[in-house]
Structure formats: structure tokens, C-alpha cells
């Protein structure tokens, strides 16, 4: 199994920490939120959070 790192801002990491359950690994958490069983709905995130995600994606693209 290969491993990878995903750079995120500290504020994004804090938000993810709040969503992650104590008994799951980061891989389990990301699989859960990306899975078809519990998809993230558009209304689940505030406009501010969506803007922050878009900025992070753009910064990530620029770094490559």
C-alpha cells in the first residue's frame, strides 16, 4: 500500500479534526467522508468554508 501526504492549512486541519471520530484513523475518516454511504452535501458547508476550500485547491494547483 502506498502512502501520500495532503497539505492543508491549519484551519482546515482543525475543521477536519472536529469531524473525525476519535476511534478512526485518518484513512478511515477520509474514506468515510468520501464514500457513497455518507456523502457530503452542498449545504453541509458554509459559504466561508467553501471559499476556503476553493482557495486551498487553487494554491495546491499553483504549487505544482
PDB file of N, CA and C in Angstrom:
ATOM      1  N   UNK A   1       0.837  -1.164   0.000  1.00  0.00           N
ATOM      2  CA  UNK A   1       0.000   0.000   0.000  1.00  0.00           C
ATOM      3  C   UNK A   1       0.888   1.235   0.000  1.00  0.00           C
ATOM      4  N   UNK A   2       0.634   2.155  -0.905  1.00  0.00           N
ATOM      5  CA  UNK A   2       1.418   3.384  -0.930  1.00  0.00           C
ATOM      6  C   UNK A   2       0.797   4.418   0.004  1.00  0.00           C
ATOM      7  N   UNK A   3       1.579   5.364   0.421  1.00  0.00           N
ATOM      8  CA  UNK A   3       1.132   6.434   1.313  1.00  0.00           C
ATOM      9  C   UNK A   3       1.348   7.758   0.615  1.00  0.00           C
ATOM     10  N   UNK A   4       0.584   8.763   0.996  1.00  0.00           N
ATOM     11  CA  UNK A   4       0.735  10.091   0.438  1.00  0.00           C
ATOM     12  C   UNK A   4       0.443  11.125   1.513  1.00  0.00           C
ATOM     13  N   UNK A   5       0.873  12.336   1.259  1.00  0.00           N
ATOM     14  CA  UNK A   5       0.592  13.454   2.157  1.00  0.00           C
ATOM     15  C   UNK A   5      -0.256  14.469   1.412  1.00  0.00           C
ATOM     16  N   UNK A   6      -1.171  15.084   2.126  1.00  0.00           N
ATOM     17  CA  UNK A   6      -2.031  16.110   1.548  1.00  0.00           C
ATOM     18  C   UNK A   6      -1.849  17.379   2.377  1.00  0.00           C
ATOM     19  N   UNK A   7      -1.219  18.404   1.816  1.00  0.00           N
ATOM     20  CA  UNK A   7      -1.028  19.633   2.590  1.00  0.00           C
ATOM     21  C   UNK A   7      -2.337  20.397   2.741  1.00  0.00           C
ATOM     22  N   UNK A   8      -2.653  20.801   3.969  1.00  0.00           N
ATOM     23  CA  UNK A   8      -3.830  21.626   4.248  1.00  0.00           C
ATOM     24  C   UNK A   8      -3.436  22.713   5.246  1.00  0.00           C
ATOM     25  N   UNK A   9      -4.156  23.815   5.187  1.00  0.00           N
ATOM     26  CA  UNK A   9      -3.928  24.889   6.149  1.00  0.00           C
ATOM     27  C   UNK A   9      -4.308  24.425   7.546  1.00  0.00           C
ATOM     28  N   UNK A  10      -3.775  25.088   8.547  1.00  0.00           N
ATOM     29  CA  UNK A  10      -4.051  24.725   9.935  1.00  0.00           C
ATOM     30  C   UNK A  10      -5.540  24.821  10.237  1.00  0.00           C
ATOM     31  N   UNK A  11      -6.219  25.844   9.710  1.00  0.00           N
ATOM     32  CA  UNK A  11      -7.649  25.991   9.975  1.00  0.00           C
ATOM     33  C   UNK A  11      -8.447  24.840   9.358  1.00  0.00           C
ATOM     34  N   UNK A  12      -8.016  24.377   8.195  1.00  0.00           N
ATOM     35  CA  UNK A  12      -8.678  23.235   7.556  1.00  0.00           C
ATOM     36  C   UNK A  12      -8.456  21.985   8.385  1.00  0.00           C
ATOM     37  N   UNK A  13      -7.246  21.794   8.870  1.00  0.00           N
ATOM     38  CA  UNK A  13      -6.924  20.634   9.712  1.00  0.00           C
ATOM     39  C   UNK A  13      -7.772  20.644  10.977  1.00  0.00           C
ATOM     40  N   UNK A  14      -7.970  21.809  11.571  1.00  0.00           N
ATOM     41  CA  UNK A  14      -8.794  21.910  12.774  1.00  0.00           C
ATOM     42  C   UNK A  14     -10.235  21.515  12.477  1.00  0.00           C
ATOM     43  N   UNK A  15     -10.760  21.953  11.336  1.00  0.00           N
ATOM     44  CA  UNK A  15     -12.128  21.576  10.953  1.00  0.00           C
ATOM     45  C   UNK A  15     -12.238  20.063  10.761  1.00  0.00           C
ATOM     46  N   UNK A  16     -11.238  19.496  10.098  1.00  0.00           N
ATOM     47  CA  UNK A  16     -11.252  18.052   9.881  1.00  0.00           C
ATOM     48  C   UNK A  16     -11.133  17.297  11.204  1.00  0.00           C
ATOM     49  N   UNK A  17     -10.293  17.798  12.103  1.00  0.00           N
ATOM     50  CA  UNK A  17     -10.157  17.183  13.431  1.00  0.00           C
ATOM     51  C   UNK A  17     -11.513  17.118  14.143  1.00  0.00           C
ATOM     52  N   UNK A  18     -12.323  18.164  13.972  1.00  0.00           N
ATOM     53  CA  UNK A  18     -13.633  18.204  14.622  1.00  0.00           C
ATOM     54  C   UNK A  18     -14.611  17.206  14.010  1.00  0.00           C
ATOM     55  N   UNK A  19     -14.420  16.854  12.749  1.00  0.00           N
ATOM     56  CA  UNK A  19     -15.299  15.896  12.078  1.00  0.00           C
ATOM     57  C   UNK A  19     -14.867  14.449  12.292  1.00  0.00           C
ATOM     58  N   UNK A  20     -13.569  14.255  12.514  1.00  0.00           N
ATOM     59  CA  UNK A  20     -13.011  12.908  12.648  1.00  0.00           C
ATOM     60  C   UNK A  20     -13.386  12.316  14.005  1.00  0.00           C
ATOM     61  N   UNK A  21     -13.803  11.065  13.986  1.00  0.00           N
ATOM     62  CA  UNK A  21     -14.131  10.368  15.226  1.00  0.00           C
ATOM     63  C   UNK A  21     -12.846   9.898  15.909  1.00  0.00           C
ATOM     64  N   UNK A  22     -12.853   9.887  17.232  1.00  0.00           N
ATOM     65  CA  UNK A  22     -11.657   9.519  17.995  1.00  0.00           C
ATOM     66  C   UNK A  22     -11.169   8.106  17.705  1.00  0.00           C
ATOM     67  N   UNK A  23     -12.090   7.221  17.367  1.00  0.00           N
ATOM     68  CA  UNK A  23     -11.716   5.815  17.197  1.00  0.00           C
ATOM     69  C   UNK A  23     -11.359   5.447  15.760  1.00  0.00           C
ATOM     70  N   UNK A  24     -11.210   6.417  14.861  1.00  0.00           N
ATOM     71  CA  UNK A  24     -10.878   6.084  13.476  1.00  0.00           C
ATOM     72  C   UNK A  24      -9.548   6.706  13.064  1.00  0.00           C
ATOM     73  N   UNK A  25      -8.864   6.030  12.146  1.00  0.00           N
ATOM     74  CA  UNK A  25      -7.624   6.552  11.592  1.00  0.00           C
ATOM     75  C   UNK A  25      -7.975   7.638  10.581  1.00  0.00           C
ATOM     76  N   UNK A  26      -6.962   8.400  10.164  1.00  0.00           N
ATOM     77  CA  UNK A  26      -7.220   9.417   9.132  1.00  0.00           C
ATOM     78  C   UNK A  26      -7.676   8.765   7.833  1.00  0.00           C
ATOM     79  N   UNK A  27      -7.132   7.618   7.509  1.00  0.00           N
ATOM     80  CA  UNK A  27      -7.547   6.926   6.296  1.00  0.00           C
ATOM     81  C   UNK A  27      -9.012   6.492   6.397  1.00  0.00           C
ATOM     82  N   UNK A  28      -9.396   5.960   7.533  1.00  0.00           N
ATOM     83  CA  UNK A  28     -10.793   5.562   7.731  1.00  0.00           C
ATOM     84  C   UNK A  28     -11.729   6.767   7.657  1.00  0.00           C
ATOM     85  N   UNK A  29     -11.303   7.868   8.264  1.00  0.00           N
ATOM     86  CA  UNK A  29     -12.104   9.095   8.234  1.00  0.00           C
ATOM     87  C   UNK A  29     -12.301   9.597   6.809  1.00  0.00           C
ATOM     88  N   UNK A  30     -11.220   9.709   6.047  1.00  0.00           N
ATOM     89  CA  UNK A  30     -11.323  10.211   4.676  1.00  0.00           C
ATOM     90  C   UNK A  30     -12.132   9.273   3.796  1.00  0.00           C
ATOM     91  N   UNK A  31     -11.982   7.975   4.021  1.00  0.00           N
ATOM     92  CA  UNK A  31     -12.792   7.005   3.278  1.00  0.00           C
ATOM     93  C   UNK A  31     -14.268   7.188   3.618  1.00  0.00           C
ATOM     94  N   UNK A  32     -14.556   7.430   4.888  1.00  0.00           N
ATOM     95  CA  UNK A  32     -15.947   7.622   5.321  1.00  0.00           C
ATOM     96  C   UNK A  32     -16.556   8.863   4.688  1.00  0.00           C
ATOM     97  N   UNK A  33     -15.862   9.984   4.734  1.00  0.00           N
ATOM     98  CA  UNK A  33     -16.469  11.210   4.210  1.00  0.00           C
ATOM     99  C   UNK A  33     -16.485  11.246   2.685  1.00  0.00           C
ATOM    100  N   UNK A  34     -15.623  10.458   2.058  1.00  0.00           N
ATOM    101  CA  UNK A  34     -15.607  10.416   0.593  1.00  0.00           C
ATOM    102  C   UNK A  34     -16.465   9.287   0.043  1.00  0.00           C
ATOM    103  N   UNK A  35     -16.940   8.411   0.922  1.00  0.00           N
ATOM    104  CA  UNK A  35     -17.704   7.253   0.485  1.00  0.00           C
ATOM    105  C   UNK A  35     -19.115   7.599   0.055  1.00  0.00           C
ATOM    106  N   UNK A  36     -19.738   6.662  -0.602  1.00  0.00           N
ATOM    107  CA  UNK A  36     -21.100   6.842  -1.085  1.00  0.00           C
ATOM    108  C   UNK A  36     -22.124   6.704   0.035  1.00  0.00           C
ATOM    109  N   UNK A  37     -21.764   6.074   1.141  1.00  0.00           N
ATOM    110  CA  UNK A  37     -22.707   5.867   2.234  1.00  0.00           C
ATOM    111  C   UNK A  37     -23.100   7.171   2.924  1.00  0.00           C
ATOM    112  N   UNK A  38     -22.150   8.060   3.100  1.00  0.00           N
ATOM    113  CA  UNK A  38     -22.400   9.324   3.781  1.00  0.00           C
ATOM    114  C   UNK A  38     -21.783  10.473   2.995  1.00  0.00           C
ATOM    115  N   UNK A  39     -22.306  10.779   1.810  1.00  0.00           N
ATOM    116  CA  UNK A  39     -21.696  11.852   1.025  1.00  0.00           C
ATOM    117  C   UNK A  39     -21.898  13.216   1.693  1.00  0.00           C
ATOM    118  N   UNK A  40     -20.939  14.090   1.497  1.00  0.00           N
ATOM    119  CA  UNK A  40     -21.064  15.460   1.985  1.00  0.00           C
ATOM    120  C   UNK A  40     -22.005  16.190   1.044  1.00  0.00           C
ATOM    121  N   UNK A  41     -23.018  16.800   1.601  1.00  0.00           N
ATOM    122  CA  UNK A  41     -23.986  17.545   0.804  1.00  0.00           C
ATOM    123  C   UNK A  41     -23.540  18.998   0.689  1.00  0.00           C
ATOM    124  N   UNK A  42     -23.925  19.644  -0.395  1.00  0.00           N
ATOM    125  CA  UNK A  42     -23.516  21.021  -0.629  1.00  0.00           C
ATOM    126  C   UNK A  42     -23.881  21.928   0.546  1.00  0.00           C
ATOM    127  N   UNK A  43     -25.040  21.747   1.120  1.00  0.00           N
ATOM    128  CA  UNK A  43     -25.484  22.590   2.215  1.00  0.00           C
ATOM    129  C   UNK A  43     -24.783  22.328   3.531  1.00  0.00           C
ATOM    130  N   UNK A  44     -23.939  21.316   3.596  1.00  0.00           N
ATOM    131  CA  UNK A  44     -23.244  20.979   4.841  1.00  0.00           C
ATOM    132  C   UNK A  44     -22.132  21.966   5.184  1.00  0.00           C
ATOM    133  N   UNK A  45     -21.668  22.721   4.201  1.00  0.00           N
ATOM    134  CA  UNK A  45     -20.570  23.654   4.422  1.00  0.00           C
ATOM    135  C   UNK A  45     -21.051  25.087   4.234  1.00  0.00           C
ATOM    136  N   UNK A  46     -20.538  25.984   5.058  1.00  0.00           N
ATOM    137  CA  UNK A  46     -20.888  27.398   4.915  1.00  0.00           C
ATOM    138  C   UNK A  46     -20.211  27.976   3.679  1.00  0.00           C
ATOM    139  N   UNK A  47     -20.694  29.119   3.231  1.00  0.00           N
ATOM    140  CA  UNK A  47     -20.071  29.798   2.092  1.00  0.00           C
ATOM    141  C   UNK A  47     -18.608  30.113   2.389  1.00  0.00           C
ATOM    142  N   UNK A  48     -18.323  30.485   3.641  1.00  0.00           N
ATOM    143  CA  UNK A  48     -16.946  30.790   4.039  1.00  0.00           C
ATOM    144  C   UNK A  48     -16.065  29.539   3.915  1.00  0.00           C
ATOM    145  N   UNK A  49     -16.577  28.408   4.353  1.00  0.00           N
ATOM    146  CA  UNK A  49     -15.816  27.160   4.270  1.00  0.00           C
ATOM    147  C   UNK A  49     -15.588  26.766   2.815  1.00  0.00           C
ATOM    148  N   UNK A  50     -16.609  26.918   1.979  1.00  0.00           N
ATOM    149  CA  UNK A  50     -16.451  26.604   0.556  1.00  0.00           C
ATOM    150  C   UNK A  50     -15.413  27.507  -0.095  1.00  0.00           C
ATOM    151  N   UNK A  51     -15.430  28.796   0.245  1.00  0.00           N
ATOM    152  CA  UNK A  51     -14.431  29.731  -0.292  1.00  0.00           C
ATOM    153  C   UNK A  51     -13.022  29.319   0.124  1.00  0.00           C
ATOM    154  N   UNK A  52     -12.875  28.912   1.374  1.00  0.00           N
ATOM    155  CA  UNK A  52     -11.569  28.484   1.883  1.00  0.00           C
ATOM    156  C   UNK A  52     -11.093  27.233   1.150  1.00  0.00           C
ATOM    157  N   UNK A  53     -11.981  26.305   0.905  1.00  0.00           N
ATOM    158  CA  UNK A  53     -11.633  25.087   0.168  1.00  0.00           C
ATOM    159  C   UNK A  53     -11.180  25.448  -1.244  1.00  0.00           C
ATOM    160  N   UNK A  54     -11.922  26.331  -1.904  1.00  0.00           N
ATOM    161  CA  UNK A  54     -11.543  26.738  -3.259  1.00  0.00           C
ATOM    162  C   UNK A  54     -10.173  27.410  -3.274  1.00  0.00           C
ATOM    163  N   UNK A  55      -9.896  28.261  -2.269  1.00  0.00           N
ATOM    164  CA  UNK A  55      -8.573  28.915  -2.200  1.00  0.00           C
ATOM    165  C   UNK A  55      -7.476  27.871  -2.000  1.00  0.00           C
ATOM    166  N   UNK A  56      -7.731  26.894  -1.143  1.00  0.00           N
ATOM    167  CA  UNK A  56      -6.731  25.850  -0.895  1.00  0.00           C
ATOM    168  C   UNK A  56      -6.479  25.012  -2.145  1.00  0.00           C
ATOM    169  N   UNK A  57      -7.519  24.706  -2.873  1.00  0.00           N
ATOM    170  CA  UNK A  57      -7.351  23.944  -4.110  1.00  0.00           C
ATOM    171  C   UNK A  57      -6.527  24.746  -5.111  1.00  0.00           C
ATOM    172  N   UNK A  58      -6.828  26.023  -5.249  1.00  0.00           N
ATOM    173  CA  UNK A  58      -6.085  26.868  -6.190  1.00  0.00           C
ATOM    174  C   UNK A  58      -4.617  26.970  -5.778  1.00  0.00           C
ATOM    175  N   UNK A  59      -4.340  27.161  -4.493  1.00  0.00           N
ATOM    176  CA  UNK A  59      -2.948  27.217  -4.027  1.00  0.00           C
ATOM    177  C   UNK A  59      -2.237  25.896  -4.289  1.00  0.00           C
ATOM    178  N   UNK A  60      -2.936  24.800  -4.092  1.00  0.00           N
ATOM    179  CA  UNK A  60      -2.353  23.484  -4.336  1.00  0.00           C
ATOM    180  C   UNK A  60      -2.003  23.317  -5.817  1.00  0.00           C
ATOM    181  N   UNK A  61      -2.904  23.737  -6.686  1.00  0.00           N
ATOM    182  CA  UNK A  61      -2.657  23.642  -8.133  1.00  0.00           C
ATOM    183  C   UNK A  61      -1.471  24.507  -8.532  1.00  0.00           C
ATOM    184  N   UNK A  62      -1.357  25.688  -7.944  1.00  0.00           N
ATOM    185  CA  UNK A  62      -0.261  26.591  -8.273  1.00  0.00           C
ATOM    186  C   UNK A  62       1.089  26.027  -7.832  1.00  0.00           C
ATOM    187  N   UNK A  63       1.086  25.214  -6.782  1.00  0.00           N
ATOM    188  CA  UNK A  63       2.351  24.685  -6.259  1.00  0.00           C
ATOM    189  C   UNK A  63       2.936  23.585  -7.149  1.00  0.00           C
ATOM    190  N   UNK A  64       2.134  23.060  -8.062  1.00  0.00           N
ATOM    191  CA  UNK A  64       2.624  22.022  -8.964  1.00  0.00           C
ATOM    192  C   UNK A  64       3.096  22.676 -10.180  1.00  0.00           C
TER     193      UNK A  64
END
